[in-house]
PDB file of N, CA and C in Angstrom:
ATOM      1  N   MET A   1       0.524 -14.829  15.969  1.00  0.00           N
ATOM      2  CA  MET A   1       0.397 -14.361  14.597  1.00  0.00           C
ATOM      3  C   MET A   1       1.572 -13.285  14.226  1.00  0.00           C
ATOM      4  N   PRO A   2       2.325 -13.226  13.416  1.00  0.00           N
ATOM      5  CA  PRO A   2       3.265 -12.419  13.241  1.00  0.00           C
ATOM      6  C   PRO A   2       3.002 -11.049  12.700  1.00  0.00           C
ATOM      7  N   ARG A   3       3.467 -10.046  13.229  1.00  0.00           N
ATOM      8  CA  ARG A   3       2.946  -8.626  12.628  1.00  0.00           C
ATOM      9  C   ARG A   3       4.091  -8.219  11.701  1.00  0.00           C
ATOM     10  N   VAL A   4       3.382  -7.515  10.658  1.00  0.00           N
ATOM     11  CA  VAL A   4       4.297  -7.176   9.586  1.00  0.00           C
ATOM     12  C   VAL A   4       3.938  -5.604   9.293  1.00  0.00           C
ATOM     13  N   LEU A   5       4.705  -4.856   9.399  1.00  0.00           N
ATOM     14  CA  LEU A   5       4.497  -3.320   8.655  1.00  0.00           C
ATOM     15  C   LEU A   5       4.835  -3.290   7.522  1.00  0.00           C
ATOM     16  N   ILE A   6       3.926  -2.853   6.610  1.00  0.00           N
ATOM     17  CA  ILE A   6       3.955  -2.692   5.330  1.00  0.00           C
ATOM     18  C   ILE A   6       4.136  -1.266   5.028  1.00  0.00           C
ATOM     19  N   VAL A   7       4.851  -0.656   4.376  1.00  0.00           N
ATOM     20  CA  VAL A   7       5.287   0.819   3.987  1.00  0.00           C
ATOM     21  C   VAL A   7       5.359   0.879   2.589  1.00  0.00           C
ATOM     22  N   ALA A   8       4.224   1.455   1.930  1.00  0.00           N
ATOM     23  CA  ALA A   8       4.030   1.419   0.288  1.00  0.00           C
ATOM     24  C   ALA A   8       3.057   2.389  -0.085  1.00  0.00           C
ATOM     25  N   GLY A   9       3.039   2.439  -1.319  1.00  0.00           N
ATOM     26  CA  GLY A   9       1.972   3.291  -1.890  1.00  0.00           C
ATOM     27  C   GLY A   9       0.699   2.482  -2.260  1.00  0.00           C
ATOM     28  N   SER A  10      -0.332   3.199  -2.607  1.00  0.00           N
ATOM     29  CA  SER A  10      -1.629   2.409  -2.691  1.00  0.00           C
ATOM     30  C   SER A  10      -1.926   2.340  -4.195  1.00  0.00           C
ATOM     31  N   ASP A  11      -2.544   1.265  -4.553  1.00  0.00           N
ATOM     32  CA  ASP A  11      -2.806   0.791  -5.849  1.00  0.00           C
ATOM     33  C   ASP A  11      -4.143   0.598  -6.044  1.00  0.00           C
ATOM     34  N   SER A  12      -4.960   1.481  -6.441  1.00  0.00           N
ATOM     35  CA  SER A  12      -6.298   1.746  -6.445  1.00  0.00           C
ATOM     36  C   SER A  12      -6.892   0.345  -7.178  1.00  0.00           C
ATOM     37  N   GLY A  13      -6.370  -0.249  -8.253  1.00  0.00           N
ATOM     38  CA  GLY A  13      -6.908  -1.354  -8.740  1.00  0.00           C
ATOM     39  C   GLY A  13      -6.647  -2.556  -7.917  1.00  0.00           C
ATOM     40  N   GLY A  14      -5.763  -2.471  -6.931  1.00  0.00           N
ATOM     41  CA  GLY A  14      -5.552  -3.564  -6.034  1.00  0.00           C
ATOM     42  C   GLY A  14      -4.503  -4.809  -6.648  1.00  0.00           C
ATOM     43  N   GLY A  15      -4.225  -4.510  -7.641  1.00  0.00           N
ATOM     44  CA  GLY A  15      -3.170  -5.496  -8.053  1.00  0.00           C
ATOM     45  C   GLY A  15      -1.557  -5.580  -7.660  1.00  0.00           C
ATOM     46  N   ALA A  16      -1.151  -4.288  -6.960  1.00  0.00           N
ATOM     47  CA  ALA A  16       0.022  -4.194  -6.738  1.00  0.00           C
ATOM     48  C   ALA A  16      -0.052  -3.098  -5.251  1.00  0.00           C
ATOM     49  N   GLY A  17       1.014  -2.504  -4.854  1.00  0.00           N
ATOM     50  CA  GLY A  17       1.156  -1.516  -3.918  1.00  0.00           C
ATOM     51  C   GLY A  17       0.785  -2.436  -2.651  1.00  0.00           C
ATOM     52  N   ILE A  18       0.302  -1.442  -1.659  1.00  0.00           N
ATOM     53  CA  ILE A  18      -0.133  -1.772  -0.414  1.00  0.00           C
ATOM     54  C   ILE A  18      -1.094  -2.952  -0.534  1.00  0.00           C
ATOM     55  N   GLN A  19      -2.222  -2.716  -1.370  1.00  0.00           N
ATOM     56  CA  GLN A  19      -3.249  -3.735  -1.455  1.00  0.00           C
ATOM     57  C   GLN A  19      -2.856  -5.199  -1.574  1.00  0.00           C
ATOM     58  N   ALA A  20      -1.853  -5.547  -2.361  1.00  0.00           N
ATOM     59  CA  ALA A  20      -1.425  -6.626  -2.875  1.00  0.00           C
ATOM     60  C   ALA A  20      -0.511  -7.055  -1.753  1.00  0.00           C
ATOM     61  N   ASP A  21       0.213  -6.400  -0.957  1.00  0.00           N
ATOM     62  CA  ASP A  21       1.135  -6.691   0.038  1.00  0.00           C
ATOM     63  C   ASP A  21       0.329  -7.169   1.254  1.00  0.00           C
ATOM     64  N   ILE A  22      -0.883  -6.448   1.396  1.00  0.00           N
ATOM     65  CA  ILE A  22      -1.876  -6.888   2.580  1.00  0.00           C
ATOM     66  C   ILE A  22      -2.116  -8.466   2.172  1.00  0.00           C
ATOM     67  N   LYS A  23      -2.657  -8.725   1.054  1.00  0.00           N
ATOM     68  CA  LYS A  23      -3.269 -10.150   0.686  1.00  0.00           C
ATOM     69  C   LYS A  23      -2.152 -10.892   0.911  1.00  0.00           C
ATOM     70  N   THR A  24      -0.952 -10.719   0.580  1.00  0.00           N
ATOM     71  CA  THR A  24       0.334 -11.598   0.664  1.00  0.00           C
ATOM     72  C   THR A  24       0.628 -11.922   2.172  1.00  0.00           C
ATOM     73  N   VAL A  25       0.808 -10.959   3.141  1.00  0.00           N
ATOM     74  CA  VAL A  25       0.838 -11.217   4.459  1.00  0.00           C
ATOM     75  C   VAL A  25      -0.168 -11.845   4.904  1.00  0.00           C
ATOM     76  N   THR A  26      -1.467 -11.649   4.651  1.00  0.00           N
ATOM     77  CA  THR A  26      -2.645 -12.430   5.226  1.00  0.00           C
ATOM     78  C   THR A  26      -2.452 -13.741   4.867  1.00  0.00           C
ATOM     79  N   MET A  27      -2.335 -14.269   3.385  1.00  0.00           N
ATOM     80  CA  MET A  27      -2.331 -15.541   3.158  1.00  0.00           C
ATOM     81  C   MET A  27      -1.177 -16.384   3.711  1.00  0.00           C
ATOM     82  N   LEU A  28      -0.108 -15.633   4.344  1.00  0.00           N
ATOM     83  CA  LEU A  28       1.121 -16.301   4.889  1.00  0.00           C
ATOM     84  C   LEU A  28       1.020 -16.464   6.229  1.00  0.00           C
ATOM     85  N   GLY A  29      -0.345 -15.894   6.879  1.00  0.00           N
ATOM     86  CA  GLY A  29      -0.617 -16.103   8.273  1.00  0.00           C
ATOM     87  C   GLY A  29      -0.328 -15.018   9.118  1.00  0.00           C
ATOM     88  N   GLY A  30      -0.016 -13.794   8.732  1.00  0.00           N
ATOM     89  CA  GLY A  30       0.302 -12.681   9.375  1.00  0.00           C
ATOM     90  C   GLY A  30      -0.533 -11.604   9.414  1.00  0.00           C
ATOM     91  N   TYR A  31      -0.360 -10.640  10.236  1.00  0.00           N
ATOM     92  CA  TYR A  31      -1.069  -9.389  10.519  1.00  0.00           C
ATOM     93  C   TYR A  31      -0.636  -8.424   9.886  1.00  0.00           C
ATOM     94  N   ALA A  32      -1.219  -7.821   9.020  1.00  0.00           N
ATOM     95  CA  ALA A  32      -0.785  -6.505   8.246  1.00  0.00           C
ATOM     96  C   ALA A  32      -0.987  -5.181   8.878  1.00  0.00           C
ATOM     97  N   ALA A  33      -0.037  -4.367   9.270  1.00  0.00           N
ATOM     98  CA  ALA A  33      -0.234  -3.069   9.719  1.00  0.00           C
ATOM     99  C   ALA A  33       0.248  -2.193   8.477  1.00  0.00           C
ATOM    100  N   THR A  34      -0.141  -0.982   8.414  1.00  0.00           N
ATOM    101  CA  THR A  34       0.308  -0.380   7.023  1.00  0.00           C
ATOM    102  C   THR A  34       0.653   1.081   7.272  1.00  0.00           C
ATOM    103  N   ALA A  35       1.487   1.799   6.521  1.00  0.00           N
ATOM    104  CA  ALA A  35       1.741   3.163   6.285  1.00  0.00           C
ATOM    105  C   ALA A  35       1.657   3.494   5.079  1.00  0.00           C
ATOM    106  N   ILE A  36       0.794   4.174   4.410  1.00  0.00           N
ATOM    107  CA  ILE A  36       0.560   4.451   2.973  1.00  0.00           C
ATOM    108  C   ILE A  36       1.258   5.810   2.615  1.00  0.00           C
ATOM    109  N   THR A  37       2.368   5.615   1.873  1.00  0.00           N
ATOM    110  CA  THR A  37       3.308   6.398   1.259  1.00  0.00           C
ATOM    111  C   THR A  37       2.758   7.461   0.149  1.00  0.00           C
ATOM    112  N   ALA A  38       1.890   6.864  -0.603  1.00  0.00           N
ATOM    113  CA  ALA A  38       1.444   7.623  -1.926  1.00  0.00           C
ATOM    114  C   ALA A  38       0.096   6.908  -2.311  1.00  0.00           C
ATOM    115  N   ILE A  39      -0.858   8.019  -2.829  1.00  0.00           N
ATOM    116  CA  ILE A  39      -2.170   7.458  -3.482  1.00  0.00           C
ATOM    117  C   ILE A  39      -1.903   7.689  -4.821  1.00  0.00           C
ATOM    118  N   THR A  40      -2.385   6.566  -5.750  1.00  0.00           N
ATOM    119  CA  THR A  40      -2.127   6.721  -7.197  1.00  0.00           C
ATOM    120  C   THR A  40      -3.710   6.742  -7.763  1.00  0.00           C
ATOM    121  N   VAL A  41      -3.700   7.493  -9.060  1.00  0.00           N
ATOM    122  CA  VAL A  41      -4.739   7.687  -9.885  1.00  0.00           C
ATOM    123  C   VAL A  41      -4.729   6.877 -11.009  1.00  0.00           C
ATOM    124  N   GLN A  42      -5.373   5.739 -11.281  1.00  0.00           N
ATOM    125  CA  GLN A  42      -4.987   4.669 -12.401  1.00  0.00           C
ATOM    126  C   GLN A  42      -6.099   4.115 -13.018  1.00  0.00           C
ATOM    127  N   ASN A  43      -6.000   3.453 -14.016  1.00  0.00           N
ATOM    128  CA  ASN A  43      -6.944   2.424 -14.639  1.00  0.00           C
ATOM    129  C   ASN A  43      -5.889   1.470 -15.236  1.00  0.00           C
ATOM    130  N   THR A  44      -6.658   0.796 -16.149  1.00  0.00           N
ATOM    131  CA  THR A  44      -6.081  -0.642 -16.664  1.00  0.00           C
ATOM    132  C   THR A  44      -5.020   0.011 -17.841  1.00  0.00           C
ATOM    133  N   LEU A  45      -5.118   1.172 -18.220  1.00  0.00           N
ATOM    134  CA  LEU A  45      -4.187   1.845 -19.269  1.00  0.00           C
ATOM    135  C   LEU A  45      -3.000   2.468 -18.750  1.00  0.00           C
ATOM    136  N   GLY A  46      -3.058   2.582 -17.406  1.00  0.00           N
ATOM    137  CA  GLY A  46      -1.682   3.183 -16.653  1.00  0.00           C
ATOM    138  C   GLY A  46      -2.076   4.237 -15.479  1.00  0.00           C
ATOM    139  N   VAL A  47      -0.969   4.758 -15.121  1.00  0.00           N
ATOM    140  CA  VAL A  47      -0.957   5.529 -13.889  1.00  0.00           C
ATOM    141  C   VAL A  47      -1.022   6.959 -14.443  1.00  0.00           C
ATOM    142  N   SER A  48      -2.072   7.902 -13.971  1.00  0.00           N
ATOM    143  CA  SER A  48      -2.276   9.226 -14.624  1.00  0.00           C
ATOM    144  C   SER A  48      -1.899  10.200 -13.467  1.00  0.00           C
ATOM    145  N   ALA A  49      -1.519   9.602 -12.172  1.00  0.00           N
ATOM    146  CA  ALA A  49      -1.187  10.806 -11.197  1.00  0.00           C
ATOM    147  C   ALA A  49      -0.815  10.028 -10.011  1.00  0.00           C
ATOM    148  N   ILE A  50       0.186  10.665  -9.424  1.00  0.00           N
ATOM    149  CA  ILE A  50       0.686  10.081  -7.836  1.00  0.00           C
ATOM    150  C   ILE A  50       0.582  11.330  -7.015  1.00  0.00           C
ATOM    151  N   VAL A  51       0.032  11.181  -5.884  1.00  0.00           N
ATOM    152  CA  VAL A  51      -0.023  11.970  -4.777  1.00  0.00           C
ATOM    153  C   VAL A  51       0.613  11.457  -3.584  1.00  0.00           C
ATOM    154  N   PRO A  52       1.885  11.925  -3.377  1.00  0.00           N
ATOM    155  CA  PRO A  52       2.736  11.666  -1.920  1.00  0.00           C
ATOM    156  C   PRO A  52       1.878  11.913  -0.816  1.00  0.00           C
ATOM    157  N   VAL A  53       2.052  11.192   0.228  1.00  0.00           N
ATOM    158  CA  VAL A  53       1.945  11.481   1.571  1.00  0.00           C
ATOM    159  C   VAL A  53       3.136  12.079   2.296  1.00  0.00           C
ATOM    160  N   ALA A  54       2.793  13.175   2.953  1.00  0.00           N
ATOM    161  CA  ALA A  54       3.983  14.091   3.593  1.00  0.00           C
ATOM    162  C   ALA A  54       4.689  13.024   4.424  1.00  0.00           C
ATOM    163  N   PRO A  55       5.980  13.094   4.449  1.00  0.00           N
ATOM    164  CA  PRO A  55       6.773  12.261   5.192  1.00  0.00           C
ATOM    165  C   PRO A  55       6.553  12.265   6.658  1.00  0.00           C
ATOM    166  N   ASP A  56       6.214  13.545   7.098  1.00  0.00           N
ATOM    167  CA  ASP A  56       5.819  13.812   8.655  1.00  0.00           C
ATOM    168  C   ASP A  56       4.518  12.942   8.846  1.00  0.00           C
ATOM    169  N   MET A  57       3.505  12.773   8.004  1.00  0.00           N
ATOM    170  CA  MET A  57       2.622  11.916   8.252  1.00  0.00           C
ATOM    171  C   MET A  57       2.657  10.391   8.232  1.00  0.00           C
ATOM    172  N   VAL A  58       3.603   9.991   7.406  1.00  0.00           N
ATOM    173  CA  VAL A  58       4.067   8.736   7.424  1.00  0.00           C
ATOM    174  C   VAL A  58       4.811   8.105   8.764  1.00  0.00           C
ATOM    175  N   ALA A  59       5.734   9.250   9.198  1.00  0.00           N
ATOM    176  CA  ALA A  59       6.263   8.997  10.235  1.00  0.00           C
ATOM    177  C   ALA A  59       5.345   8.853  11.507  1.00  0.00           C
ATOM    178  N   ALA A  60       4.496   9.929  11.568  1.00  0.00           N
ATOM    179  CA  ALA A  60       3.546   9.765  12.856  1.00  0.00           C
ATOM    180  C   ALA A  60       2.739   8.533  12.797  1.00  0.00           C
TER     181      ALA A  60
END
């Protein structure tokens, strides 16, 4: 099973970002490892805030 590192922001709605990437990798038969770079606050009307993850945490 191929391993894929996904580096992306989180979409709390699940339709984009790291959540959608995990679904895609899994459907293609891969194993998804992740590094989250940002957390979003959003709903169906739009994104109201983005909180970045510190680069040193992503690198670690």
